[in-house]
N, C-alpha and C. Protein backbone atom coordinates (compact mmCIF):
# COMPACT_ATOMS: atom_id res chain seq x y z
N MET A 1 -23.94 48.74 10.45
CA MET A 1 -22.98 47.88 11.13
C MET A 1 -21.79 47.59 10.21
N PRO A 2 -20.56 47.84 10.66
CA PRO A 2 -19.39 47.51 9.85
C PRO A 2 -19.29 46.00 9.64
N SER A 3 -18.64 45.61 8.56
CA SER A 3 -18.48 44.19 8.27
C SER A 3 -17.02 43.88 7.97
N ALA A 4 -16.62 42.64 8.27
CA ALA A 4 -15.24 42.21 8.03
C ALA A 4 -15.24 40.78 7.50
N LEU A 5 -14.34 40.54 6.57
CA LEU A 5 -14.14 39.21 6.02
C LEU A 5 -12.81 38.66 6.53
N PHE A 6 -12.85 37.52 7.20
CA PHE A 6 -11.64 36.85 7.67
C PHE A 6 -11.27 35.76 6.67
N VAL A 7 -10.03 35.79 6.18
CA VAL A 7 -9.53 34.78 5.25
C VAL A 7 -8.54 33.92 6.02
N VAL A 8 -8.92 32.66 6.29
CA VAL A 8 -8.19 31.82 7.24
C VAL A 8 -7.63 30.57 6.55
N SER A 9 -6.45 30.18 6.96
CA SER A 9 -5.75 29.07 6.32
C SER A 9 -6.33 27.70 6.66
N GLU A 10 -6.29 26.83 5.67
CA GLU A 10 -6.64 25.42 5.86
C GLU A 10 -5.39 24.56 6.08
N GLU A 11 -4.23 25.22 6.07
CA GLU A 11 -2.97 24.50 6.24
C GLU A 11 -2.34 24.73 7.60
N GLY A 12 -2.99 25.54 8.44
CA GLY A 12 -2.47 25.78 9.78
C GLY A 12 -2.41 27.25 10.13
N TYR A 13 -3.50 27.80 10.69
CA TYR A 13 -3.48 29.20 11.14
C TYR A 13 -3.07 29.26 12.59
N TRP A 14 -2.48 30.40 12.99
CA TRP A 14 -2.07 30.57 14.38
C TRP A 14 -3.26 31.07 15.18
N GLY A 15 -3.66 30.29 16.16
CA GLY A 15 -4.92 30.51 16.85
C GLY A 15 -5.17 31.92 17.34
N GLU A 16 -4.23 32.47 18.09
CA GLU A 16 -4.44 33.78 18.69
C GLU A 16 -4.60 34.87 17.64
N GLU A 17 -3.93 34.70 16.50
CA GLU A 17 -3.98 35.72 15.46
C GLU A 17 -5.32 35.76 14.74
N CYS A 18 -6.11 34.74 14.90
CA CYS A 18 -7.46 34.74 14.37
C CYS A 18 -8.48 35.05 15.47
N VAL A 19 -8.35 34.37 16.58
CA VAL A 19 -9.34 34.47 17.65
C VAL A 19 -9.35 35.85 18.29
N GLU A 20 -8.18 36.43 18.52
CA GLU A 20 -8.13 37.74 19.18
C GLU A 20 -8.81 38.82 18.33
N PRO A 21 -8.47 38.96 17.04
CA PRO A 21 -9.22 39.94 16.22
C PRO A 21 -10.69 39.58 16.07
N LEU A 22 -11.00 38.29 15.93
CA LEU A 22 -12.38 37.86 15.76
C LEU A 22 -13.25 38.27 16.94
N THR A 23 -12.78 37.99 18.15
CA THR A 23 -13.57 38.32 19.33
C THR A 23 -13.58 39.82 19.59
N THR A 24 -12.48 40.49 19.29
CA THR A 24 -12.42 41.94 19.47
C THR A 24 -13.42 42.64 18.55
N LEU A 25 -13.49 42.21 17.30
CA LEU A 25 -14.45 42.81 16.36
C LEU A 25 -15.88 42.43 16.73
N ASP A 26 -16.07 41.20 17.21
CA ASP A 26 -17.39 40.79 17.67
C ASP A 26 -17.89 41.73 18.77
N GLU A 27 -17.04 41.99 19.74
CA GLU A 27 -17.41 42.84 20.88
C GLU A 27 -17.75 44.25 20.44
N ALA A 28 -17.17 44.68 19.32
CA ALA A 28 -17.43 46.02 18.81
C ALA A 28 -18.64 46.06 17.87
N GLY A 29 -19.30 44.90 17.67
CA GLY A 29 -20.49 44.87 16.85
C GLY A 29 -20.23 44.74 15.35
N VAL A 30 -19.02 44.32 14.98
CA VAL A 30 -18.70 44.14 13.56
C VAL A 30 -19.26 42.80 13.09
N ASP A 31 -19.88 42.80 11.92
CA ASP A 31 -20.44 41.59 11.34
C ASP A 31 -19.33 40.84 10.61
N VAL A 32 -18.98 39.63 11.08
CA VAL A 32 -17.83 38.89 10.57
C VAL A 32 -18.25 37.70 9.73
N THR A 33 -17.64 37.56 8.57
CA THR A 33 -17.76 36.39 7.72
C THR A 33 -16.39 35.72 7.63
N VAL A 34 -16.36 34.39 7.61
CA VAL A 34 -15.11 33.66 7.50
C VAL A 34 -15.05 32.95 6.15
N ALA A 35 -13.91 33.06 5.48
CA ALA A 35 -13.68 32.37 4.22
C ALA A 35 -12.38 31.59 4.29
N THR A 36 -12.29 30.50 3.56
CA THR A 36 -11.07 29.72 3.41
C THR A 36 -10.87 29.45 1.92
N PRO A 37 -9.68 29.02 1.52
CA PRO A 37 -9.44 28.80 0.09
C PRO A 37 -10.46 27.89 -0.58
N SER A 38 -10.80 26.77 0.03
CA SER A 38 -11.72 25.83 -0.61
C SER A 38 -13.13 25.87 -0.04
N GLY A 39 -13.30 26.55 1.10
CA GLY A 39 -14.59 26.54 1.78
C GLY A 39 -14.68 25.48 2.86
N SER A 40 -13.61 24.71 3.04
CA SER A 40 -13.55 23.75 4.15
C SER A 40 -13.14 24.47 5.42
N PRO A 41 -13.49 23.93 6.59
CA PRO A 41 -13.12 24.58 7.84
C PRO A 41 -11.61 24.77 7.95
N PRO A 42 -11.19 25.91 8.51
CA PRO A 42 -9.75 26.15 8.66
C PRO A 42 -9.13 25.16 9.64
N VAL A 43 -7.85 24.93 9.47
CA VAL A 43 -7.11 24.02 10.34
C VAL A 43 -6.20 24.85 11.24
N ILE A 44 -6.20 24.55 12.53
CA ILE A 44 -5.39 25.30 13.46
C ILE A 44 -4.01 24.67 13.60
N ASP A 45 -3.01 25.50 13.76
CA ASP A 45 -1.66 25.03 14.06
C ASP A 45 -1.66 24.55 15.50
N GLU A 46 -1.41 23.28 15.71
CA GLU A 46 -1.51 22.71 17.06
C GLU A 46 -0.54 23.35 18.03
N ARG A 47 0.54 23.91 17.54
CA ARG A 47 1.46 24.60 18.45
C ARG A 47 0.80 25.81 19.09
N SER A 48 -0.19 26.39 18.39
CA SER A 48 -0.84 27.59 18.90
C SER A 48 -1.90 27.29 19.95
N VAL A 49 -2.17 26.01 20.19
CA VAL A 49 -3.06 25.63 21.29
C VAL A 49 -2.35 24.67 22.23
N ASP A 50 -1.04 24.72 22.24
CA ASP A 50 -0.22 23.93 23.15
C ASP A 50 0.04 24.76 24.40
N PRO A 51 -0.46 24.34 25.55
CA PRO A 51 -0.28 25.13 26.78
C PRO A 51 1.18 25.42 27.09
N ASP A 52 2.07 24.51 26.73
CA ASP A 52 3.49 24.74 27.00
C ASP A 52 4.07 25.84 26.11
N THR A 53 3.41 26.09 24.99
CA THR A 53 3.89 27.11 24.05
C THR A 53 3.23 28.46 24.27
N VAL A 54 1.92 28.47 24.47
CA VAL A 54 1.19 29.75 24.55
C VAL A 54 0.58 30.01 25.92
N GLY A 55 0.70 29.07 26.84
CA GLY A 55 0.08 29.22 28.15
C GLY A 55 -1.29 28.56 28.20
N GLU A 56 -1.68 28.10 29.37
CA GLU A 56 -2.93 27.36 29.51
C GLU A 56 -4.15 28.20 29.18
N GLU A 57 -4.17 29.45 29.63
CA GLU A 57 -5.35 30.30 29.42
C GLU A 57 -5.58 30.57 27.93
N THR A 58 -4.52 30.97 27.25
CA THR A 58 -4.65 31.25 25.81
C THR A 58 -5.02 30.00 25.03
N ALA A 59 -4.36 28.88 25.38
CA ALA A 59 -4.63 27.62 24.67
C ALA A 59 -6.10 27.22 24.81
N ALA A 60 -6.63 27.31 26.01
CA ALA A 60 -8.01 26.91 26.26
C ALA A 60 -9.00 27.84 25.55
N ARG A 61 -8.74 29.14 25.62
CA ARG A 61 -9.66 30.11 24.99
C ARG A 61 -9.67 29.94 23.47
N VAL A 62 -8.48 29.81 22.89
CA VAL A 62 -8.38 29.69 21.44
C VAL A 62 -9.03 28.40 20.95
N ARG A 63 -8.77 27.29 21.64
CA ARG A 63 -9.34 26.02 21.21
C ARG A 63 -10.86 26.04 21.31
N GLU A 64 -11.39 26.68 22.35
CA GLU A 64 -12.84 26.74 22.51
C GLU A 64 -13.49 27.49 21.35
N VAL A 65 -12.90 28.61 20.96
CA VAL A 65 -13.46 29.38 19.84
C VAL A 65 -13.29 28.60 18.53
N HIS A 66 -12.14 28.01 18.34
CA HIS A 66 -11.88 27.24 17.12
C HIS A 66 -12.91 26.12 16.94
N GLU A 67 -13.25 25.46 18.02
CA GLU A 67 -14.15 24.32 17.93
C GLU A 67 -15.62 24.71 17.91
N SER A 68 -15.98 25.85 18.49
CA SER A 68 -17.40 26.16 18.68
C SER A 68 -17.93 27.28 17.79
N ASP A 69 -17.06 28.11 17.23
CA ASP A 69 -17.55 29.25 16.45
C ASP A 69 -18.16 28.76 15.13
N ALA A 70 -19.41 29.08 14.91
CA ALA A 70 -20.13 28.59 13.73
C ALA A 70 -19.51 29.10 12.43
N ARG A 71 -18.97 30.30 12.47
CA ARG A 71 -18.39 30.87 11.25
C ARG A 71 -17.11 30.14 10.86
N LEU A 72 -16.31 29.76 11.84
CA LEU A 72 -15.09 29.01 11.56
C LEU A 72 -15.40 27.59 11.11
N ASN A 73 -16.50 27.07 11.58
CA ASN A 73 -16.86 25.70 11.23
C ASN A 73 -17.63 25.59 9.92
N ASP A 74 -18.09 26.71 9.39
CA ASP A 74 -18.85 26.68 8.14
C ASP A 74 -18.48 27.90 7.28
N PRO A 75 -17.23 27.96 6.82
CA PRO A 75 -16.77 29.12 6.05
C PRO A 75 -17.27 29.06 4.61
N VAL A 76 -17.05 30.16 3.91
CA VAL A 76 -17.38 30.21 2.48
C VAL A 76 -16.08 30.15 1.69
N PRO A 77 -16.11 29.72 0.43
CA PRO A 77 -14.90 29.71 -0.39
C PRO A 77 -14.46 31.14 -0.74
N ILE A 78 -13.15 31.37 -0.77
CA ILE A 78 -12.62 32.69 -1.09
C ILE A 78 -13.15 33.18 -2.44
N ALA A 79 -13.26 32.28 -3.40
CA ALA A 79 -13.64 32.67 -4.76
C ALA A 79 -15.05 33.25 -4.83
N THR A 80 -15.87 33.07 -3.80
CA THR A 80 -17.27 33.51 -3.85
C THR A 80 -17.50 34.88 -3.21
N VAL A 81 -16.43 35.50 -2.68
CA VAL A 81 -16.61 36.77 -1.96
C VAL A 81 -15.89 37.90 -2.70
N ASP A 82 -16.33 39.13 -2.38
CA ASP A 82 -15.81 40.32 -3.04
C ASP A 82 -15.42 41.34 -1.97
N ALA A 83 -14.23 41.90 -2.07
CA ALA A 83 -13.74 42.86 -1.07
C ALA A 83 -14.67 44.06 -0.94
N ASP A 84 -15.33 44.45 -2.04
CA ASP A 84 -16.20 45.63 -2.01
C ASP A 84 -17.41 45.44 -1.11
N ASP A 85 -17.71 44.20 -0.75
CA ASP A 85 -18.87 43.93 0.09
C ASP A 85 -18.55 44.04 1.59
N TYR A 86 -17.30 44.36 1.92
CA TYR A 86 -16.88 44.40 3.32
C TYR A 86 -16.10 45.69 3.60
N ASP A 87 -16.18 46.11 4.85
CA ASP A 87 -15.42 47.29 5.27
C ASP A 87 -13.97 46.94 5.56
N ALA A 88 -13.71 45.67 5.84
CA ALA A 88 -12.35 45.25 6.13
C ALA A 88 -12.13 43.81 5.73
N VAL A 89 -10.92 43.51 5.31
CA VAL A 89 -10.48 42.14 5.05
C VAL A 89 -9.36 41.84 6.02
N VAL A 90 -9.48 40.72 6.74
CA VAL A 90 -8.51 40.35 7.78
C VAL A 90 -7.87 39.02 7.43
N LEU A 91 -6.54 38.98 7.43
CA LEU A 91 -5.81 37.75 7.15
C LEU A 91 -4.98 37.36 8.37
N PRO A 92 -5.47 36.42 9.20
CA PRO A 92 -4.66 35.92 10.31
C PRO A 92 -3.44 35.16 9.77
N GLY A 93 -2.38 35.11 10.58
CA GLY A 93 -1.17 34.45 10.14
C GLY A 93 -1.07 32.99 10.55
N GLY A 94 0.15 32.53 10.62
CA GLY A 94 0.44 31.12 10.83
C GLY A 94 1.24 30.62 9.64
N HIS A 95 2.18 29.71 9.90
CA HIS A 95 3.00 29.20 8.80
C HIS A 95 2.15 28.62 7.67
N GLY A 96 0.99 28.07 8.00
CA GLY A 96 0.15 27.44 6.99
C GLY A 96 -0.24 28.36 5.85
N THR A 97 -0.28 29.67 6.12
CA THR A 97 -0.67 30.61 5.06
C THR A 97 0.30 30.57 3.89
N GLU A 98 1.53 30.14 4.14
CA GLU A 98 2.52 30.12 3.06
C GLU A 98 2.16 29.08 1.99
N TRP A 99 1.38 28.09 2.37
CA TRP A 99 1.02 27.03 1.43
C TRP A 99 -0.34 27.24 0.78
N ASP A 100 -1.19 28.08 1.36
CA ASP A 100 -2.49 28.25 0.71
C ASP A 100 -2.92 29.69 0.52
N VAL A 101 -3.23 30.42 1.57
CA VAL A 101 -3.78 31.77 1.43
C VAL A 101 -2.85 32.67 0.62
N ASN A 102 -1.57 32.70 0.97
CA ASN A 102 -0.65 33.61 0.30
C ASN A 102 -0.46 33.28 -1.18
N GLN A 103 -0.74 32.02 -1.54
CA GLN A 103 -0.57 31.59 -2.92
C GLN A 103 -1.88 31.56 -3.71
N ASP A 104 -2.96 31.97 -3.07
CA ASP A 104 -4.28 31.90 -3.69
C ASP A 104 -4.58 33.18 -4.46
N ARG A 105 -4.89 33.05 -5.74
CA ARG A 105 -5.11 34.23 -6.58
C ARG A 105 -6.34 35.03 -6.14
N HIS A 106 -7.33 34.33 -5.60
CA HIS A 106 -8.52 35.04 -5.13
C HIS A 106 -8.22 35.82 -3.85
N ALA A 107 -7.39 35.25 -2.98
CA ALA A 107 -7.00 35.96 -1.76
C ALA A 107 -6.19 37.20 -2.11
N ARG A 108 -5.29 37.05 -3.08
CA ARG A 108 -4.48 38.20 -3.50
C ARG A 108 -5.36 39.30 -4.09
N LYS A 109 -6.37 38.91 -4.85
CA LYS A 109 -7.28 39.91 -5.42
C LYS A 109 -8.06 40.63 -4.32
N LEU A 110 -8.48 39.89 -3.30
CA LEU A 110 -9.17 40.52 -2.18
C LEU A 110 -8.31 41.60 -1.55
N VAL A 111 -7.03 41.28 -1.32
CA VAL A 111 -6.11 42.24 -0.71
C VAL A 111 -5.91 43.44 -1.62
N ALA A 112 -5.64 43.18 -2.89
CA ALA A 112 -5.40 44.28 -3.83
C ALA A 112 -6.62 45.18 -3.96
N ASP A 113 -7.80 44.58 -4.07
CA ASP A 113 -9.03 45.36 -4.23
C ASP A 113 -9.32 46.21 -3.00
N ALA A 114 -9.06 45.64 -1.81
CA ALA A 114 -9.34 46.39 -0.58
C ALA A 114 -8.35 47.54 -0.40
N VAL A 115 -7.09 47.29 -0.67
CA VAL A 115 -6.07 48.34 -0.51
C VAL A 115 -6.24 49.44 -1.55
N GLU A 116 -6.55 49.04 -2.77
CA GLU A 116 -6.64 50.01 -3.86
C GLU A 116 -8.02 50.63 -4.00
N GLY A 117 -9.02 50.03 -3.35
CA GLY A 117 -10.39 50.53 -3.50
C GLY A 117 -10.71 51.72 -2.63
N ASP A 118 -11.96 52.09 -2.60
CA ASP A 118 -12.42 53.24 -1.83
C ASP A 118 -13.00 52.81 -0.49
N GLY A 119 -12.31 53.16 0.59
CA GLY A 119 -12.88 52.97 1.92
C GLY A 119 -12.57 51.68 2.63
N GLY A 120 -12.16 50.64 1.92
CA GLY A 120 -11.89 49.37 2.58
C GLY A 120 -10.55 49.36 3.29
N LYS A 121 -10.43 48.51 4.28
CA LYS A 121 -9.19 48.35 5.03
C LYS A 121 -8.75 46.89 4.96
N VAL A 122 -7.45 46.68 5.08
CA VAL A 122 -6.91 45.33 5.14
C VAL A 122 -6.02 45.21 6.37
N LEU A 123 -6.25 44.16 7.17
CA LEU A 123 -5.38 43.85 8.29
C LEU A 123 -4.74 42.49 8.02
N ILE A 124 -3.41 42.45 7.99
CA ILE A 124 -2.68 41.22 7.72
C ILE A 124 -1.69 40.97 8.85
N LEU A 125 -1.68 39.74 9.36
CA LEU A 125 -0.85 39.42 10.52
C LEU A 125 0.22 38.38 10.20
N CYS A 126 1.41 38.60 10.75
CA CYS A 126 2.45 37.58 10.86
C CYS A 126 2.86 36.99 9.50
N HIS A 127 2.76 35.66 9.34
CA HIS A 127 3.17 35.02 8.09
C HIS A 127 2.25 35.36 6.92
N ALA A 128 1.02 35.74 7.21
CA ALA A 128 0.12 36.12 6.12
C ALA A 128 0.60 37.38 5.41
N VAL A 129 1.43 38.17 6.08
CA VAL A 129 2.00 39.36 5.45
C VAL A 129 2.78 38.98 4.19
N GLY A 130 3.21 37.74 4.11
CA GLY A 130 3.92 37.26 2.93
C GLY A 130 3.11 37.37 1.65
N ILE A 131 1.79 37.46 1.76
CA ILE A 131 0.96 37.60 0.56
C ILE A 131 1.31 38.88 -0.20
N LEU A 132 1.84 39.86 0.52
CA LEU A 132 2.19 41.13 -0.12
C LEU A 132 3.38 40.99 -1.06
N GLY A 133 4.15 39.92 -0.90
CA GLY A 133 5.25 39.67 -1.81
C GLY A 133 4.81 39.10 -3.14
N PHE A 134 3.50 38.84 -3.28
CA PHE A 134 2.98 38.22 -4.50
C PHE A 134 1.74 38.94 -5.05
N THR A 135 1.37 40.06 -4.47
CA THR A 135 0.11 40.73 -4.81
C THR A 135 0.38 42.02 -5.58
N HIS A 136 -0.28 42.15 -6.73
CA HIS A 136 -0.06 43.29 -7.62
C HIS A 136 -1.34 44.10 -7.81
N THR A 137 -1.15 45.36 -8.17
CA THR A 137 -2.26 46.20 -8.59
C THR A 137 -2.62 45.83 -10.03
N GLU A 138 -3.69 46.41 -10.54
CA GLU A 138 -4.08 46.14 -11.93
C GLU A 138 -3.01 46.62 -12.91
N GLU A 139 -2.21 47.59 -12.49
CA GLU A 139 -1.15 48.11 -13.35
C GLU A 139 0.12 47.24 -13.29
N GLY A 140 0.09 46.20 -12.44
CA GLY A 140 1.23 45.32 -12.35
C GLY A 140 2.26 45.69 -11.29
N LYS A 141 2.01 46.72 -10.53
CA LYS A 141 2.90 47.15 -9.47
C LYS A 141 2.59 46.36 -8.19
N TYR A 142 3.62 46.05 -7.41
CA TYR A 142 3.38 45.40 -6.13
C TYR A 142 2.56 46.32 -5.22
N VAL A 143 1.53 45.79 -4.60
CA VAL A 143 0.70 46.56 -3.69
C VAL A 143 1.52 47.15 -2.55
N VAL A 144 2.52 46.41 -2.09
CA VAL A 144 3.31 46.82 -0.93
C VAL A 144 4.43 47.79 -1.29
N SER A 145 4.66 48.02 -2.57
CA SER A 145 5.78 48.87 -2.98
C SER A 145 5.71 50.24 -2.33
N GLU A 146 6.81 50.61 -1.64
CA GLU A 146 6.96 51.90 -0.97
C GLU A 146 6.00 52.10 0.20
N ARG A 147 5.39 51.03 0.67
CA ARG A 147 4.52 51.12 1.85
C ARG A 147 5.27 50.62 3.08
N ASP A 148 4.97 51.24 4.22
CA ASP A 148 5.54 50.80 5.50
C ASP A 148 4.81 49.54 5.96
N VAL A 149 5.56 48.56 6.44
CA VAL A 149 4.95 47.28 6.78
C VAL A 149 5.77 46.57 7.86
N THR A 150 5.07 45.78 8.67
CA THR A 150 5.71 44.90 9.65
C THR A 150 5.21 43.48 9.39
N GLY A 151 5.81 42.51 10.04
CA GLY A 151 5.41 41.12 9.84
C GLY A 151 6.39 40.20 10.54
N PHE A 152 6.29 38.90 10.25
CA PHE A 152 7.13 37.92 10.94
C PHE A 152 8.57 38.04 10.44
N PRO A 153 9.50 38.38 11.34
CA PRO A 153 10.86 38.70 10.92
C PRO A 153 11.76 37.49 10.71
N ASN A 154 12.78 37.67 9.88
CA ASN A 154 13.76 36.61 9.64
C ASN A 154 14.42 36.14 10.93
N GLU A 155 14.66 37.06 11.83
CA GLU A 155 15.33 36.72 13.09
C GLU A 155 14.55 35.67 13.87
N TRP A 156 13.23 35.76 13.83
CA TRP A 156 12.40 34.77 14.52
C TRP A 156 12.31 33.48 13.72
N GLU A 157 12.23 33.62 12.39
CA GLU A 157 12.13 32.42 11.55
C GLU A 157 13.35 31.52 11.73
N ALA A 158 14.50 32.13 11.88
CA ALA A 158 15.74 31.36 12.02
C ALA A 158 15.74 30.49 13.27
N ASP A 159 14.93 30.85 14.25
CA ASP A 159 14.84 30.06 15.48
C ASP A 159 13.86 28.89 15.35
N ILE A 160 13.12 28.83 14.24
CA ILE A 160 12.10 27.80 14.06
C ILE A 160 12.52 26.73 13.06
N VAL A 161 13.00 27.15 11.90
CA VAL A 161 13.38 26.19 10.87
C VAL A 161 14.82 25.71 11.07
N ASP A 162 15.14 24.54 10.47
CA ASP A 162 16.51 24.04 10.57
C ASP A 162 17.35 24.61 9.42
N GLU A 163 18.57 24.09 9.26
CA GLU A 163 19.47 24.64 8.25
C GLU A 163 18.99 24.41 6.82
N ASN A 164 18.01 23.52 6.66
CA ASN A 164 17.43 23.27 5.34
C ASN A 164 16.04 23.87 5.20
N ASP A 165 15.70 24.80 6.09
CA ASP A 165 14.41 25.48 6.09
C ASP A 165 13.23 24.55 6.35
N ARG A 166 13.50 23.46 7.05
CA ARG A 166 12.42 22.55 7.39
C ARG A 166 11.79 22.95 8.72
N MET A 167 10.46 22.89 8.74
CA MET A 167 9.69 23.18 9.94
C MET A 167 9.81 22.03 10.93
N PRO A 168 9.42 22.24 12.19
CA PRO A 168 9.42 21.15 13.17
C PRO A 168 8.59 19.95 12.73
N ASP A 169 7.55 20.16 11.89
CA ASP A 169 6.73 19.05 11.40
C ASP A 169 7.30 18.41 10.14
N GLY A 170 8.46 18.88 9.69
CA GLY A 170 9.13 18.28 8.54
C GLY A 170 8.87 18.98 7.22
N ARG A 171 7.88 19.88 7.16
CA ARG A 171 7.59 20.57 5.91
C ARG A 171 8.68 21.59 5.60
N LYS A 172 8.98 21.73 4.32
CA LYS A 172 9.97 22.70 3.87
C LYS A 172 9.29 24.06 3.70
N LEU A 173 9.79 25.06 4.43
CA LEU A 173 9.23 26.39 4.30
C LEU A 173 9.59 26.96 2.93
N PRO A 174 8.59 27.37 2.13
CA PRO A 174 8.88 27.78 0.76
C PRO A 174 9.56 29.14 0.62
N TYR A 175 9.37 30.03 1.59
CA TYR A 175 10.00 31.35 1.53
C TYR A 175 9.93 31.98 2.92
N TRP A 176 10.74 33.03 3.11
CA TRP A 176 10.71 33.79 4.36
C TRP A 176 9.98 35.11 4.09
N VAL A 177 9.05 35.44 4.96
CA VAL A 177 8.15 36.57 4.75
C VAL A 177 8.93 37.88 4.55
N GLU A 178 9.86 38.14 5.44
CA GLU A 178 10.59 39.41 5.36
C GLU A 178 11.30 39.56 4.01
N ASP A 179 11.91 38.49 3.53
CA ASP A 179 12.64 38.55 2.26
C ASP A 179 11.70 38.89 1.11
N GLU A 180 10.53 38.24 1.06
CA GLU A 180 9.62 38.46 -0.06
C GLU A 180 9.02 39.86 -0.05
N VAL A 181 8.70 40.35 1.13
CA VAL A 181 8.08 41.68 1.21
C VAL A 181 9.10 42.76 0.85
N LYS A 182 10.32 42.59 1.31
CA LYS A 182 11.37 43.55 0.94
C LYS A 182 11.63 43.53 -0.56
N ALA A 183 11.66 42.33 -1.14
CA ALA A 183 11.92 42.20 -2.58
C ALA A 183 10.81 42.86 -3.40
N ALA A 184 9.61 42.94 -2.83
CA ALA A 184 8.48 43.56 -3.51
C ALA A 184 8.43 45.07 -3.29
N GLY A 185 9.42 45.61 -2.58
CA GLY A 185 9.51 47.06 -2.41
C GLY A 185 8.93 47.60 -1.13
N GLY A 186 8.56 46.71 -0.19
CA GLY A 186 8.00 47.18 1.08
C GLY A 186 9.06 47.77 1.99
N ASN A 187 8.68 48.80 2.74
CA ASN A 187 9.57 49.40 3.74
C ASN A 187 9.40 48.63 5.05
N TRP A 188 10.25 47.65 5.28
CA TRP A 188 10.09 46.69 6.35
C TRP A 188 10.68 47.19 7.66
N ASP A 189 9.90 47.10 8.73
CA ASP A 189 10.40 47.35 10.08
C ASP A 189 9.54 46.57 11.06
N ALA A 190 10.08 45.46 11.58
CA ALA A 190 9.34 44.62 12.52
C ALA A 190 9.47 45.10 13.95
N GLU A 191 10.17 46.21 14.17
CA GLU A 191 10.26 46.83 15.51
C GLU A 191 10.61 45.81 16.59
N LEU A 192 11.73 45.14 16.40
CA LEU A 192 12.10 44.04 17.28
C LEU A 192 12.39 44.48 18.71
N ASP A 193 12.57 45.77 18.93
CA ASP A 193 12.79 46.26 20.29
C ASP A 193 11.49 46.56 21.02
N SER A 194 10.34 46.39 20.34
CA SER A 194 9.04 46.69 20.93
C SER A 194 8.27 45.41 21.24
N ASP A 195 7.45 45.46 22.28
CA ASP A 195 6.65 44.29 22.66
C ASP A 195 5.62 43.95 21.59
N THR A 196 5.08 44.97 20.93
CA THR A 196 4.13 44.76 19.85
C THR A 196 4.56 45.58 18.64
N SER A 197 4.05 45.22 17.49
CA SER A 197 4.37 45.97 16.27
C SER A 197 3.17 45.96 15.35
N VAL A 198 2.57 47.12 15.17
CA VAL A 198 1.45 47.31 14.26
C VAL A 198 1.76 48.53 13.41
N THR A 199 1.65 48.39 12.09
CA THR A 199 1.99 49.48 11.17
C THR A 199 0.79 49.80 10.29
N VAL A 200 0.51 51.08 10.15
CA VAL A 200 -0.58 51.55 9.29
C VAL A 200 0.00 52.38 8.16
N ASP A 201 -0.32 52.03 6.93
CA ASP A 201 0.06 52.82 5.77
C ASP A 201 -1.13 52.87 4.83
N GLY A 202 -1.86 53.95 4.89
CA GLY A 202 -3.09 54.07 4.11
C GLY A 202 -4.11 53.05 4.57
N ASP A 203 -4.63 52.28 3.63
CA ASP A 203 -5.64 51.27 3.95
C ASP A 203 -5.03 49.93 4.36
N LEU A 204 -3.70 49.86 4.43
CA LEU A 204 -3.00 48.62 4.78
C LEU A 204 -2.51 48.66 6.21
N ILE A 205 -2.97 47.69 7.01
CA ILE A 205 -2.54 47.54 8.39
C ILE A 205 -1.85 46.19 8.53
N THR A 206 -0.66 46.17 9.11
CA THR A 206 0.05 44.91 9.30
C THR A 206 0.46 44.76 10.76
N GLY A 207 0.50 43.50 11.22
CA GLY A 207 0.91 43.20 12.59
C GLY A 207 1.99 42.13 12.58
N ARG A 208 2.91 42.21 13.52
CA ARG A 208 4.09 41.35 13.51
C ARG A 208 3.81 39.90 13.83
N GLY A 209 3.04 39.64 14.89
CA GLY A 209 2.85 38.26 15.32
C GLY A 209 1.78 38.15 16.38
N PRO A 210 1.71 37.00 17.08
CA PRO A 210 0.63 36.76 18.04
C PRO A 210 0.49 37.84 19.10
N GLU A 211 1.62 38.32 19.60
CA GLU A 211 1.57 39.30 20.69
C GLU A 211 1.00 40.64 20.23
N SER A 212 0.92 40.84 18.94
CA SER A 212 0.39 42.09 18.38
C SER A 212 -1.06 41.95 17.92
N SER A 213 -1.66 40.79 18.13
CA SER A 213 -2.99 40.51 17.58
C SER A 213 -4.06 41.47 18.08
N ARG A 214 -4.12 41.67 19.39
CA ARG A 214 -5.15 42.55 19.93
C ARG A 214 -4.90 44.00 19.53
N ALA A 215 -3.66 44.44 19.62
CA ALA A 215 -3.33 45.82 19.24
C ALA A 215 -3.69 46.06 17.77
N ALA A 216 -3.46 45.07 16.94
CA ALA A 216 -3.79 45.20 15.52
C ALA A 216 -5.30 45.30 15.32
N ALA A 217 -6.05 44.49 16.06
CA ALA A 217 -7.51 44.54 15.95
C ALA A 217 -8.06 45.88 16.41
N VAL A 218 -7.53 46.39 17.51
CA VAL A 218 -7.96 47.70 18.02
C VAL A 218 -7.62 48.80 17.00
N THR A 219 -6.44 48.69 16.40
CA THR A 219 -6.05 49.66 15.37
C THR A 219 -7.01 49.62 14.19
N LEU A 220 -7.40 48.41 13.77
CA LEU A 220 -8.36 48.29 12.68
C LEU A 220 -9.67 48.97 13.03
N LEU A 221 -10.16 48.75 14.25
CA LEU A 221 -11.41 49.40 14.66
C LEU A 221 -11.28 50.91 14.63
N GLU A 222 -10.14 51.42 15.06
CA GLU A 222 -9.93 52.87 15.04
C GLU A 222 -9.92 53.40 13.62
N GLU A 223 -9.31 52.64 12.71
CA GLU A 223 -9.26 53.06 11.31
C GLU A 223 -10.64 53.00 10.66
N LEU A 224 -11.45 52.02 11.07
CA LEU A 224 -12.81 51.92 10.53
C LEU A 224 -13.69 53.07 11.02
């Protein structure tokens, strides 16, 4: 049975970007483990379960899984897991990843080990793609250098933050994903003319945002 490790934010993950891959992999018989930076249950971005934002059906389904899934309610700390023990590492997005997962040295090592190792795959969605702007190989090279990648684009970010980069909840966004990934040498294309955007480059799979969550999960299964 294939196995996957989900690394989920405690600062606000986007519901659909976790729940859609989680349930898709469940249905395919993949054994899923959930980890968070400290081992505390992940925190959901309330906007991602707001019916006015995502629709009533999505909001209800995501909230039900968030509240009832035993793995989400009892995760393990990132520092206690090893990428070599899993066939895939999955990083759901959400603005919250910018404050914890993307800045966590153990999360970065998981990504680097899976991308650079033998046989493992990494799926990174939306704002979590920003981790690639801070993740290096053992030789000191950016993991994303010269790799094709998609993720949350500047054009969308500009519609969310104010002129001082403050989020609707008042938090200051520390960086923009597209800028950091490009600066690290990634070949960025968020395919803004397409309904979904999923990019595969070797063992690295990236997805643009919530609307690409299922397509990204299906792509991961195909790659596995």
